[in-house]
Protein backbone atom coordinates (compact mmCIF):
# COMPACT_ATOMS: atom_id res chain seq x y z
CA MET A 1 0.00 0.00 0.00
CA ASP A 2 1.37 3.40 -1.01
CA LYS A 3 2.17 5.39 2.13
CA PHE A 4 1.20 8.70 0.51
CA LYS A 5 -2.23 7.29 -0.39
CA GLU A 6 -2.67 6.09 3.18
CA LEU A 7 -1.97 9.58 4.49
CA THR A 8 -4.26 11.38 2.06
CA THR A 9 -7.04 8.88 2.78
CA PHE A 10 -6.56 9.34 6.52
CA VAL A 11 -6.81 13.14 6.24
CA ASP A 12 -9.90 12.87 4.02
CA VAL A 13 -11.67 10.47 6.40
CA ALA A 14 -10.80 12.74 9.35
CA SER A 15 -12.24 15.81 7.60
CA ARG A 16 -15.39 14.02 6.35
CA GLY A 17 -15.96 11.82 9.40
CA SER A 18 -17.03 8.98 7.14
CA PHE A 19 -15.46 6.10 5.23
CA SER A 20 -18.32 6.01 2.74
CA SER A 21 -18.11 9.72 1.96
CA THR A 22 -14.37 9.42 1.32
CA ALA A 23 -14.99 6.35 -0.85
CA ARG A 24 -17.54 8.21 -2.97
CA SER A 25 -15.17 11.14 -3.51
CA GLU A 26 -12.43 8.74 -4.71
CA GLY A 27 -14.66 6.42 -6.66
CA VAL A 28 -13.73 3.34 -4.62
CA THR A 29 -15.57 1.11 -2.17
CA PRO A 30 -15.79 1.86 1.57
CA ALA A 31 -14.05 -1.47 2.13
CA MET A 32 -11.04 -0.20 0.19
CA VAL A 33 -10.89 2.94 2.32
CA GLY A 34 -11.19 0.79 5.44
CA ARG A 35 -8.30 -1.41 4.34
CA ARG A 36 -6.07 1.62 3.82
CA ILE A 37 -6.81 2.87 7.34
CA ASP A 38 -6.33 -0.62 8.80
CA GLN A 39 -2.92 -0.94 7.18
CA LEU A 40 -1.91 2.55 8.33
CA GLU A 41 -2.93 1.79 11.90
CA GLU A 42 -1.12 -1.56 11.78
CA ARG A 43 2.05 0.05 10.46
CA LEU A 44 1.95 2.80 13.12
CA GLY A 45 0.89 0.49 15.93
CA VAL A 46 -1.89 2.82 17.17
CA LYS A 47 -5.60 3.28 16.63
CA LEU A 48 -6.36 6.49 14.75
CA PHE A 49 -10.17 6.29 14.71
CA LYS A 50 -12.99 5.20 16.98
CA ARG A 51 -15.48 3.51 14.69
CA SER A 52 -19.21 3.01 15.14
CA THR A 53 -22.06 2.21 12.77
CA ARG A 54 -22.92 5.92 12.55
CA LYS A 55 -19.60 7.72 12.41
CA VAL A 56 -15.87 7.62 12.88
CA THR A 57 -14.05 9.98 15.21
CA LEU A 58 -10.38 10.59 15.85
CA THR A 59 -8.60 9.13 18.85
CA PRO A 60 -6.19 11.43 20.73
CA GLU A 61 -3.34 9.79 18.80
CA GLY A 62 -5.26 10.34 15.57
CA THR A 63 -5.76 14.03 16.36
CA ALA A 64 -2.04 14.55 16.95
CA PHE A 65 -1.15 12.62 13.79
CA LEU A 66 -3.67 14.62 11.75
CA ASP A 67 -1.91 17.91 12.52
CA ASP A 68 1.40 16.54 11.24
CA CYS A 69 -0.19 14.97 8.16
CA GLN A 70 -1.96 18.19 7.17
CA ARG A 71 1.26 20.16 7.56
CA ILE A 72 3.23 17.66 5.46
CA LEU A 73 0.62 17.50 2.71
CA ASN A 74 0.23 21.29 2.63
CA GLU A 75 3.99 21.73 2.31
CA LEU A 76 4.10 19.13 -0.47
CA ARG A 77 1.34 20.89 -2.42
CA ALA A 78 3.01 24.25 -1.91
CA ALA A 79 6.38 22.89 -3.05
CA GLU A 80 4.77 21.52 -6.21
CA GLU A 81 3.05 24.85 -6.84
CA GLN A 82 6.35 26.70 -6.45
CA LEU A 83 7.76 24.63 -9.31
CA THR A 84 4.75 24.66 -11.62
CA VAL A 85 3.29 28.14 -11.22
CA GLY A 86 5.52 29.55 -13.91
CA THR A 87 4.26 27.09 -16.50
CA LYS A 88 0.62 26.40 -15.75
CA GLY A 89 -0.43 28.94 -13.11
CA ALA A 90 -2.17 28.41 -9.79
CA THR A 91 -5.19 26.16 -9.47
CA GLY A 92 -7.72 25.25 -6.81
CA ARG A 93 -9.65 27.36 -4.33
CA LEU A 94 -8.38 30.44 -2.54
CA ILE A 95 -10.22 31.33 0.68
CA VAL A 96 -9.76 34.93 1.84
CA THR A 97 -11.16 36.76 4.84
CA ALA A 98 -11.23 40.55 5.19
CA PRO A 99 -12.81 43.25 7.38
CA THR A 100 -16.28 43.99 6.05
CA ALA A 101 -15.93 47.64 5.02
CA PHE A 102 -12.43 47.31 3.55
CA GLY A 103 -13.36 44.09 1.79
CA ARG A 104 -16.39 45.67 0.15
CA ARG A 105 -14.48 48.73 -1.03
CA HIS A 106 -11.03 47.45 -1.89
CA ILE A 107 -11.01 43.64 -2.20
CA ALA A 108 -14.28 42.51 -3.79
CA PRO A 109 -14.19 44.98 -6.73
CA HIS A 110 -10.78 43.65 -7.82
CA LEU A 111 -11.48 39.90 -7.63
CA PRO A 112 -12.84 39.60 -11.20
CA ALA A 113 -9.56 41.01 -12.51
CA PHE A 114 -7.59 38.53 -10.40
CA ILE A 115 -9.69 35.65 -11.73
CA ALA A 116 -9.14 36.90 -15.27
CA GLU A 117 -5.38 36.59 -14.67
CA ASN A 118 -5.78 33.18 -13.00
CA PRO A 119 -8.74 31.44 -14.65
CA ASP A 120 -8.05 28.07 -12.99
CA LEU A 121 -8.56 29.54 -9.52
CA THR A 122 -11.80 29.88 -7.55
CA VAL A 123 -11.92 32.57 -4.87
CA THR A 124 -14.16 32.58 -1.80
CA LEU A 125 -14.26 35.90 0.08
CA HIS A 126 -15.54 36.02 3.67
CA LEU A 127 -16.26 39.50 5.04
CA SER A 128 -16.29 39.64 8.82
CA GLU A 129 -14.89 41.53 11.80
CA ARG A 130 -14.10 38.21 13.49
CA LEU A 131 -10.41 37.43 13.94
CA VAL A 132 -10.03 34.14 12.10
CA ASP A 133 -7.75 31.45 13.53
CA LEU A 134 -5.59 30.90 10.45
CA LYS A 135 -3.87 27.84 11.87
CA ASN A 136 -7.02 25.90 12.67
CA GLU A 137 -9.60 27.18 10.18
CA ARG A 138 -9.72 26.54 6.45
CA VAL A 139 -8.64 30.03 5.41
CA ASP A 140 -5.63 30.70 3.18
CA LEU A 141 -5.23 34.41 3.74
CA ALA A 142 -6.55 37.17 6.00
CA ILE A 143 -6.52 40.88 5.23
CA ARG A 144 -5.89 42.76 8.45
CA ILE A 145 -5.56 46.44 9.28
CA ALA A 146 -3.51 46.41 12.42
CA ASP A 147 -0.23 46.96 14.19
CA LEU A 148 0.88 43.36 13.81
CA LYS A 149 2.98 41.96 16.61
CA SER A 150 2.10 38.26 16.43
CA VAL A 151 5.06 35.93 16.18
CA ASP A 152 2.86 33.03 15.12
CA LEU A 153 1.89 34.42 11.74
CA HIS A 154 3.57 35.68 8.61
CA ALA A 155 2.47 38.96 7.06
CA ALA A 156 3.11 40.89 3.88
CA LYS A 157 2.46 44.63 3.91
CA LEU A 158 0.03 45.52 1.14
CA ALA A 159 -0.33 49.27 1.63
CA ARG A 160 0.33 52.05 4.06
CA ASN A 161 -2.54 53.57 5.97
CA HIS A 162 -3.16 56.79 7.85
CA ARG A 163 -6.11 58.40 9.58
CA LEU A 164 -7.46 61.88 9.09
CA VAL A 165 -10.09 64.13 10.63
CA CYS A 166 -12.91 65.12 8.31
CA GLY A 167 -16.36 66.66 8.29
CA ALA A 168 -19.03 67.75 5.85
CA PRO A 169 -18.79 71.28 4.41
CA SER A 170 -22.11 72.07 6.14
CA TYR A 171 -20.66 71.14 9.53
CA ILE A 172 -17.44 73.09 8.93
CA LYS A 173 -19.47 76.16 7.91
CA ARG A 174 -21.64 75.87 11.02
CA ALA A 175 -19.03 74.93 13.64
CA GLY A 176 -15.88 76.40 12.17
CA LYS A 177 -12.70 74.73 10.96
CA PRO A 178 -10.35 73.47 13.67
CA LYS A 179 -6.87 74.89 13.21
CA ALA A 180 -5.08 73.31 16.17
CA LEU A 181 -5.45 69.99 17.97
CA GLU A 182 -6.90 71.62 21.08
CA ASP A 183 -9.75 72.95 18.93
CA LEU A 184 -11.13 69.39 18.73
CA THR A 185 -12.31 69.64 22.33
CA ARG A 186 -14.83 72.28 21.20
CA HIS A 187 -16.25 70.17 18.36
CA ASN A 188 -18.81 67.40 18.21
CA CYS A 189 -16.63 64.37 17.47
CA LEU A 190 -18.12 61.13 16.23
CA VAL A 191 -16.57 58.46 18.42
CA THR A 192 -16.07 54.73 17.95
CA SER A 193 -17.58 52.58 20.68
CA THR A 194 -16.21 49.16 21.59
CA GLU A 195 -16.99 46.44 24.12
CA ASP A 196 -14.29 48.00 26.30
CA GLY A 197 -15.76 51.51 26.10
CA LEU A 198 -15.28 54.56 23.92
CA SER A 199 -12.24 55.06 21.67
CA ASP A 200 -12.28 58.75 22.47
CA HIS A 201 -8.55 59.41 22.22
CA TRP A 202 -7.47 60.44 18.71
CA ASN A 203 -3.78 60.10 17.93
CA PHE A 204 -1.67 62.57 15.98
CA ALA A 205 1.90 63.66 15.41
CA GLU A 206 3.06 67.15 16.32
CA LYS A 207 6.63 68.13 15.44
CA GLY A 208 7.45 64.46 15.04
CA LYS A 209 6.11 63.47 18.46
CA PRO A 210 2.95 61.43 19.10
CA VAL A 211 0.07 63.37 20.64
CA SER A 212 -3.21 61.98 21.95
CA VAL A 213 -6.28 64.21 22.17
CA LYS A 214 -9.35 63.26 24.19
CA VAL A 215 -12.48 64.14 22.25
CA GLY A 216 -16.18 64.03 22.96
CA GLY A 217 -19.49 64.09 21.13
CA ASN A 218 -23.12 63.04 21.25
CA LEU A 219 -22.98 60.19 18.71
CA HIS A 220 -21.09 56.93 19.19
CA CYS A 221 -21.11 53.72 17.14
CA ASN A 222 -19.10 50.51 16.79
CA ASP A 223 -19.48 50.57 12.98
CA GLY A 224 -17.04 52.81 11.12
CA GLU A 225 -19.32 53.13 8.10
CA VAL A 226 -22.04 54.58 10.30
CA LEU A 227 -19.60 57.15 11.67
CA THR A 228 -18.67 58.13 8.11
CA ARG A 229 -22.34 58.50 7.16
CA TRP A 230 -22.95 60.72 10.18
CA ALA A 231 -20.00 62.87 9.12
CA LEU A 232 -21.40 63.09 5.59
CA ALA A 233 -24.75 64.17 7.03
CA GLY A 234 -23.04 67.05 8.85
CA HIS A 235 -23.38 65.73 12.42
CA GLY A 236 -19.75 66.20 13.44
CA LEU A 237 -16.11 65.41 12.82
CA ALA A 238 -14.93 61.84 12.20
CA TRP A 239 -11.45 60.32 12.53
CA ARG A 240 -11.30 57.81 9.72
CA SER A 241 -8.76 55.90 7.62
CA ALA A 242 -7.87 57.37 4.24
CA TRP A 243 -9.18 54.24 2.45
CA GLU A 244 -12.62 54.92 3.93
CA VAL A 245 -13.10 58.60 3.10
CA SER A 246 -10.65 59.64 0.37
CA GLU A 247 -13.27 59.29 -2.37
CA GLU A 248 -15.73 61.45 -0.43
CA ILE A 249 -13.00 64.06 0.06
CA LYS A 250 -12.15 64.07 -3.67
CA LYS A 251 -15.84 64.65 -4.45
CA GLY A 252 -16.06 67.50 -1.94
CA ARG A 253 -18.61 65.73 0.23
CA LEU A 254 -16.14 65.74 3.11
CA VAL A 255 -13.37 68.17 4.03
CA SER A 256 -10.20 67.00 5.74
CA VAL A 257 -8.83 69.18 8.52
CA LEU A 258 -5.67 69.24 10.65
CA ASP A 259 -3.79 67.40 7.90
CA GLU A 260 -0.48 68.70 9.16
CA TYR A 261 -0.97 66.66 12.34
CA SER A 262 -1.95 63.37 10.74
CA SER A 263 0.10 60.34 11.70
CA PRO A 264 0.44 56.84 10.27
CA GLY A 265 -2.29 54.43 11.25
CA ASN A 266 -2.42 50.66 11.30
CA ASN A 267 -1.12 49.47 7.94
CA ILE A 268 -2.86 46.95 5.68
CA TYR A 269 -1.43 43.44 5.64
CA ALA A 270 -1.99 40.06 4.08
CA VAL A 271 -1.59 37.52 6.89
CA TYR A 272 -1.10 33.79 6.53
CA ALA A 273 -0.19 30.89 8.78
CA GLU A 274 3.48 30.19 9.19
CA ARG A 275 4.63 27.79 6.46
CA ARG A 276 7.87 26.72 4.95
CA PHE A 277 6.39 27.08 1.47
CA LEU A 278 3.91 29.79 0.54
CA PRO A 279 1.26 28.32 -1.82
CA ALA A 280 1.38 29.83 -5.30
CA LYS A 281 -2.26 30.94 -5.14
CA VAL A 282 -1.52 32.95 -1.98
CA ARG A 283 1.68 34.44 -3.39
CA LEU A 284 -0.06 35.42 -6.63
CA PHE A 285 -2.91 37.12 -4.72
CA ILE A 286 -0.52 39.05 -2.51
CA ASP A 287 1.45 40.24 -5.54
CA PHE A 288 -1.80 41.16 -7.30
CA LEU A 289 -3.05 43.26 -4.38
CA LYS A 290 0.28 45.06 -4.00
CA ARG A 291 0.24 45.90 -7.69
CA THR A 292 -3.41 46.92 -7.64
CA PHE A 293 -3.18 49.09 -4.51
CA GLY A 294 0.03 50.79 -5.64
CA ASP A 295 2.50 52.84 -3.64
CA PRO A 296 1.14 55.23 -2.56
CA PRO A 297 -2.19 53.40 -2.58
CA TYR A 298 -4.71 54.56 -5.15
CA TRP A 299 -7.18 55.76 -2.53
CA GLU A 300 -4.74 58.49 -1.50
């Protein structure tokens, strides 16, 4: 029995929880799948599955072995892709997760162009604010806007990011244009709310030094898009990322203020689980996004 076939069958049974389902996917009989697992268990000297008439579940030894098998098979696939991508391109399914607002504005619109360059790929985009566990969930790549400090993940910087203060022309006309950071304390500031409280300290740079200003206002929300809409409606000043509001500023629907004090924000990264080999589909997507976003990014 081919050892590689034993391993791939083991991983497939573990993911499907069924010998018959694995057999159908391979076009063989359940008995054949069972024999492969029997021979693998006999060779290893341990039981990998608990079997019943309804389902099969991993033993503790099987769970530990599964992690190693998945890593080995992933590295093998990635190594093959590294060699073949230049001749036949990437194939398979690419699963990407991104923050909802950024994904809608700056990931989803570009996916058709990426597919046009890589017609043998299928892309699934998940938009969510949830922090996906890249090591234990079936996700190839996460787009994150953060100050990354994790040592468990690899990241490629896609674009720089900075925040700016902006408001609608109607609000600026009514309340006046702030000219210094301390002026913010006299304005109605639209503040982000979180489970831990209000994010009512806005960060700037003054003469090269970081400055934090405590602001206040009568409207708070945990959704950045809502804060932007309130700003557009003239309800106050918002502190938003350039990728969120640059188009509105270009159209004159928002006015940026205190630009001389703006400081870099959390940059935009492509994050993936630590691997010896980066799959071709992931590498191609990262390169595509870097090229598409540009430097400086097109939204600036």
